[in-house]
Amino acid sequence: MRDTRLRENTQTTQSERFSGNYAGDSAGNGNRNEFQRTQGNAAGTGAESSGLNRILKRTGLAFLGVFIAALIALSTLNSTSVVDTSDAAAEALEKGESAELKVGTRLLMKDQQMPGQDHIITHSSKKDTSELHIWDYAAEDGDYVQVLVDDVPLGDPFMIKNKPVTLTIPSSGVVKVLGTRDGGGGITYAVRYDLNSITYFNGMNEGEGNLYTLIRE
């Protein structure tokens, strides 16, 4: 009887151990499966994030390329004006002045060295001041000038472009256009005086200047 109870207790204990081990193994397997699923989800999320980053990077580079191209096109558009090839333009290049051409007329695509000339401008205006308009009649290549009246600067040196810059000057005195920086090929510029409605197409080297003497008759 005692042996029978001992065998039953032994079998019960073994059964409980087996059940416990099985439950532990099942729980362990469950934890491992859950860990693997978590790792898989993390890997999937990482892959999706990496793919999204690549897409965003490509999109950003594409937009940057379009933006740079637009800036280049806009810069080219702003710095390019139509070259006048009329007989009046050809005559202006030959004589260095014109009473026919409009303010801002462009004569050349590229700079051509032009000998500098000084001019005497006589007029009958009774006004104390007038205006001059100055621009680059060839290529916008980084030429800088400074305008002085009776050796007093009207302002800092500035880059001349195809678009004219208008300055107020006295109706009598000596105007000097000084070349402060040559962007290449010599400094070429045009200046129109409202006092006599004549445009002068002139040129100089860096550090040199042209004089315009304004005399009221």
Protein backbone atom coordinates (compact mmCIF):
# COMPACT_ATOMS: atom_id res chain seq x y z
CA MET A 1 0.00 0.00 0.00
CA ARG A 2 2.83 2.34 0.98
CA ASP A 3 4.66 1.43 -2.26
CA THR A 4 1.56 2.16 -4.31
CA ARG A 5 1.19 5.64 -2.79
CA LEU A 6 4.88 6.32 -3.35
CA ARG A 7 4.59 5.37 -7.02
CA GLU A 8 1.49 7.58 -7.37
CA ASN A 9 3.26 10.53 -5.73
CA THR A 10 6.28 9.99 -7.93
CA GLN A 11 4.13 9.88 -11.06
CA THR A 12 2.24 13.02 -9.95
CA THR A 13 5.48 14.89 -9.33
CA GLN A 14 6.89 13.85 -12.69
CA SER A 15 3.64 14.85 -14.39
CA GLU A 16 3.70 18.25 -12.69
CA ARG A 17 7.35 18.75 -13.71
CA PHE A 18 6.53 17.80 -17.28
CA SER A 19 3.57 20.17 -17.30
CA GLY A 20 5.72 22.94 -15.84
CA ASN A 21 8.51 22.35 -18.32
CA TYR A 22 6.06 22.28 -21.19
CA ALA A 23 4.45 25.48 -20.01
CA GLY A 24 7.87 27.09 -19.60
CA ASP A 25 8.96 25.95 -23.04
CA SER A 26 5.72 27.23 -24.55
CA ALA A 27 6.15 30.58 -22.82
CA GLY A 28 9.76 30.75 -23.95
CA ASN A 29 8.80 29.92 -27.49
CA GLY A 30 6.08 32.56 -27.33
CA ASN A 31 8.54 35.14 -26.09
CA ARG A 32 11.00 34.21 -28.81
CA ASN A 33 8.27 34.45 -31.46
CA GLU A 34 7.16 37.82 -30.10
CA PHE A 35 10.79 39.04 -30.11
CA GLN A 36 11.23 37.84 -33.68
CA ARG A 37 8.01 39.61 -34.72
CA THR A 38 9.20 42.79 -32.99
CA GLN A 39 12.56 42.56 -34.70
CA GLY A 40 10.84 41.95 -38.03
CA ASN A 41 8.57 44.95 -37.54
CA ALA A 42 11.55 47.10 -36.57
CA ALA A 43 13.46 45.95 -39.63
CA GLY A 44 10.44 46.67 -41.82
CA THR A 45 10.00 50.11 -40.30
CA GLY A 46 13.71 50.83 -40.77
CA ALA A 47 13.54 49.77 -44.40
CA GLU A 48 10.47 51.93 -44.98
CA SER A 49 12.16 54.89 -43.28
CA SER A 50 15.30 54.40 -45.35
CA GLY A 51 13.26 54.22 -48.53
CA LEU A 52 11.35 57.36 -47.59
CA ASN A 53 14.60 59.19 -46.89
CA ARG A 54 15.92 58.20 -50.31
CA ILE A 55 12.73 59.47 -51.98
CA LEU A 56 12.87 62.75 -50.06
CA LYS A 57 16.55 63.16 -50.92
CA ARG A 58 15.90 62.56 -54.63
CA THR A 59 12.94 64.96 -54.57
CA GLY A 60 14.99 67.61 -52.79
CA LEU A 61 17.84 67.29 -55.29
CA ALA A 62 15.37 67.51 -58.17
CA PHE A 63 13.80 70.69 -56.78
CA LEU A 64 17.27 72.14 -56.15
CA GLY A 65 18.25 71.45 -59.75
CA VAL A 66 15.10 73.11 -61.05
CA PHE A 67 15.69 76.12 -58.78
CA ILE A 68 19.30 76.55 -59.95
CA ALA A 69 18.26 76.23 -63.60
CA ALA A 70 15.56 78.86 -63.06
CA LEU A 71 18.08 81.24 -61.47
CA ILE A 72 20.48 80.79 -64.38
CA ALA A 73 17.71 81.36 -66.91
CA LEU A 74 16.50 84.45 -65.05
CA SER A 75 20.02 85.83 -64.80
CA THR A 76 20.55 85.28 -68.52
CA LEU A 77 17.21 86.90 -69.31
CA ASN A 78 17.95 89.94 -67.15
CA SER A 79 21.46 90.47 -68.51
CA THR A 80 20.64 89.98 -72.17
CA SER A 81 19.14 92.74 -74.30
CA VAL A 82 18.65 92.92 -78.04
CA VAL A 83 21.62 94.23 -80.00
CA ASP A 84 20.74 97.12 -82.30
CA THR A 85 22.04 96.40 -85.82
CA SER A 86 20.48 99.39 -87.54
CA ASP A 87 22.39 101.89 -89.69
CA ALA A 88 22.12 104.41 -86.84
CA ALA A 89 23.79 101.91 -84.49
CA ALA A 90 26.60 101.24 -86.97
CA GLU A 91 27.14 104.99 -87.35
CA ALA A 92 27.20 105.41 -83.57
CA LEU A 93 29.94 102.79 -83.29
CA GLU A 94 31.95 104.57 -85.96
CA LYS A 95 31.55 108.11 -84.59
CA GLY A 96 31.28 107.28 -80.90
CA GLU A 97 28.07 109.27 -80.40
CA SER A 98 24.45 109.48 -81.51
CA ALA A 99 21.48 111.81 -81.21
CA GLU A 100 19.09 109.19 -82.59
CA LEU A 101 19.51 106.09 -80.45
CA LYS A 102 17.42 105.58 -77.34
CA VAL A 103 18.72 105.40 -73.78
CA GLY A 104 19.85 101.84 -73.03
CA THR A 105 20.65 100.90 -76.65
CA ARG A 106 22.99 97.92 -76.91
CA LEU A 107 25.43 97.92 -79.80
CA LEU A 108 27.59 94.82 -79.26
CA MET A 109 27.31 91.29 -77.88
CA LYS A 110 30.92 91.35 -76.64
CA ASP A 111 33.26 94.11 -75.55
CA GLN A 112 35.50 95.67 -78.16
CA GLN A 113 38.32 97.96 -77.14
CA MET A 114 37.36 101.56 -77.89
CA PRO A 115 39.75 104.51 -77.51
CA GLY A 116 38.63 106.88 -74.79
CA GLN A 117 37.58 110.40 -75.70
CA ASP A 118 36.89 113.57 -73.74
CA HIS A 119 33.95 115.76 -74.76
CA ILE A 120 32.84 119.36 -74.36
CA ILE A 121 29.07 119.71 -74.05
CA THR A 122 27.57 123.14 -74.64
CA HIS A 123 23.94 123.86 -73.87
CA SER A 124 21.46 126.65 -73.18
CA SER A 125 19.57 125.09 -70.27
CA LYS A 126 18.69 127.55 -67.50
CA LYS A 127 18.21 124.77 -64.94
CA ASP A 128 20.79 124.26 -62.22
CA THR A 129 20.72 120.47 -62.52
CA SER A 130 20.14 117.84 -65.15
CA GLU A 131 20.44 114.07 -65.53
CA LEU A 132 22.79 111.64 -67.17
CA HIS A 133 22.10 107.99 -67.97
CA ILE A 134 24.96 105.49 -68.04
CA TRP A 135 24.99 101.82 -69.07
CA ASP A 136 27.08 99.07 -70.64
CA TYR A 137 26.36 98.97 -74.37
CA ALA A 138 28.15 95.61 -74.83
CA ALA A 139 28.41 92.52 -72.59
CA GLU A 140 27.70 92.67 -68.88
CA ASP A 141 31.11 91.39 -67.83
CA GLY A 142 31.67 93.05 -64.48
CA ASP A 143 32.94 96.50 -65.48
CA TYR A 144 32.78 99.03 -62.64
CA VAL A 145 32.81 102.82 -62.92
CA GLN A 146 32.57 105.81 -60.62
CA VAL A 147 31.09 109.17 -61.58
CA LEU A 148 32.65 112.36 -60.22
CA VAL A 149 31.68 116.02 -60.64
CA ASP A 150 34.52 118.51 -60.21
CA ASP A 151 36.53 115.67 -58.64
CA VAL A 152 33.84 114.97 -56.03
CA PRO A 153 32.35 111.43 -56.24
CA LEU A 154 28.59 111.23 -56.67
CA GLY A 155 28.69 107.85 -54.96
CA ASP A 156 30.59 104.59 -54.71
CA PRO A 157 31.80 102.67 -57.78
CA PHE A 158 29.08 100.49 -59.30
CA MET A 159 28.80 97.79 -61.92
CA ILE A 160 27.44 99.04 -65.22
CA LYS A 161 24.82 96.87 -66.87
CA ASN A 162 22.65 96.98 -69.97
CA LYS A 163 19.99 98.64 -67.85
CA PRO A 164 20.81 102.36 -67.49
CA VAL A 165 21.56 104.05 -64.18
CA THR A 166 20.34 107.65 -63.88
CA LEU A 167 22.27 110.27 -61.91
CA THR A 168 21.56 113.92 -61.16
CA ILE A 169 24.38 116.32 -62.06
CA PRO A 170 24.87 120.11 -62.09
CA SER A 171 24.34 121.76 -65.46
CA SER A 172 27.82 123.28 -65.34
CA GLY A 173 31.07 121.62 -64.32
CA VAL A 174 33.32 118.73 -65.27
CA VAL A 175 31.93 115.21 -65.12
CA LYS A 176 34.45 112.39 -64.96
CA VAL A 177 33.60 108.75 -65.59
CA LEU A 178 36.37 106.75 -63.94
CA GLY A 179 36.97 103.08 -64.69
CA THR A 180 37.56 101.31 -61.38
CA ARG A 181 37.41 97.65 -62.46
CA ASP A 182 37.75 95.93 -65.82
CA GLY A 183 35.70 92.77 -66.07
CA GLY A 184 37.58 91.81 -69.25
CA GLY A 185 38.12 93.26 -72.72
CA GLY A 186 38.30 96.86 -71.55
CA ILE A 187 35.62 99.02 -69.95
CA THR A 188 32.88 99.96 -72.40
CA TYR A 189 30.00 102.26 -71.53
CA ALA A 190 27.49 104.70 -72.96
CA VAL A 191 26.39 107.93 -71.32
CA ARG A 192 23.46 110.09 -72.35
CA TYR A 193 23.21 113.74 -71.27
CA ASP A 194 19.76 115.27 -71.14
CA LEU A 195 21.39 118.69 -71.55
CA ASN A 196 22.00 118.06 -75.26
CA SER A 197 20.16 114.73 -75.80
CA ILE A 198 23.29 113.07 -77.16
CA THR A 199 24.60 109.61 -76.24
CA TYR A 200 28.37 109.10 -76.11
CA PHE A 201 29.75 105.60 -76.61
CA ASN A 202 33.09 105.52 -74.88
CA GLY A 203 35.75 103.26 -73.44
CA MET A 204 38.77 103.21 -71.15
CA ASN A 205 41.15 100.99 -69.26
CA GLU A 206 41.01 100.31 -65.55
CA GLY A 207 42.24 103.32 -63.59
CA GLU A 208 41.60 105.73 -66.46
CA GLY A 209 38.69 108.10 -67.06
CA ASN A 210 36.86 110.27 -69.58
CA LEU A 211 35.99 113.93 -69.01
CA TYR A 212 32.77 115.69 -70.03
CA THR A 213 32.93 119.45 -69.64
CA LEU A 214 29.48 121.02 -69.30
CA ILE A 215 29.28 124.66 -70.43
CA ARG A 216 26.18 126.83 -70.38
CA GLU A 217 26.19 129.30 -73.31
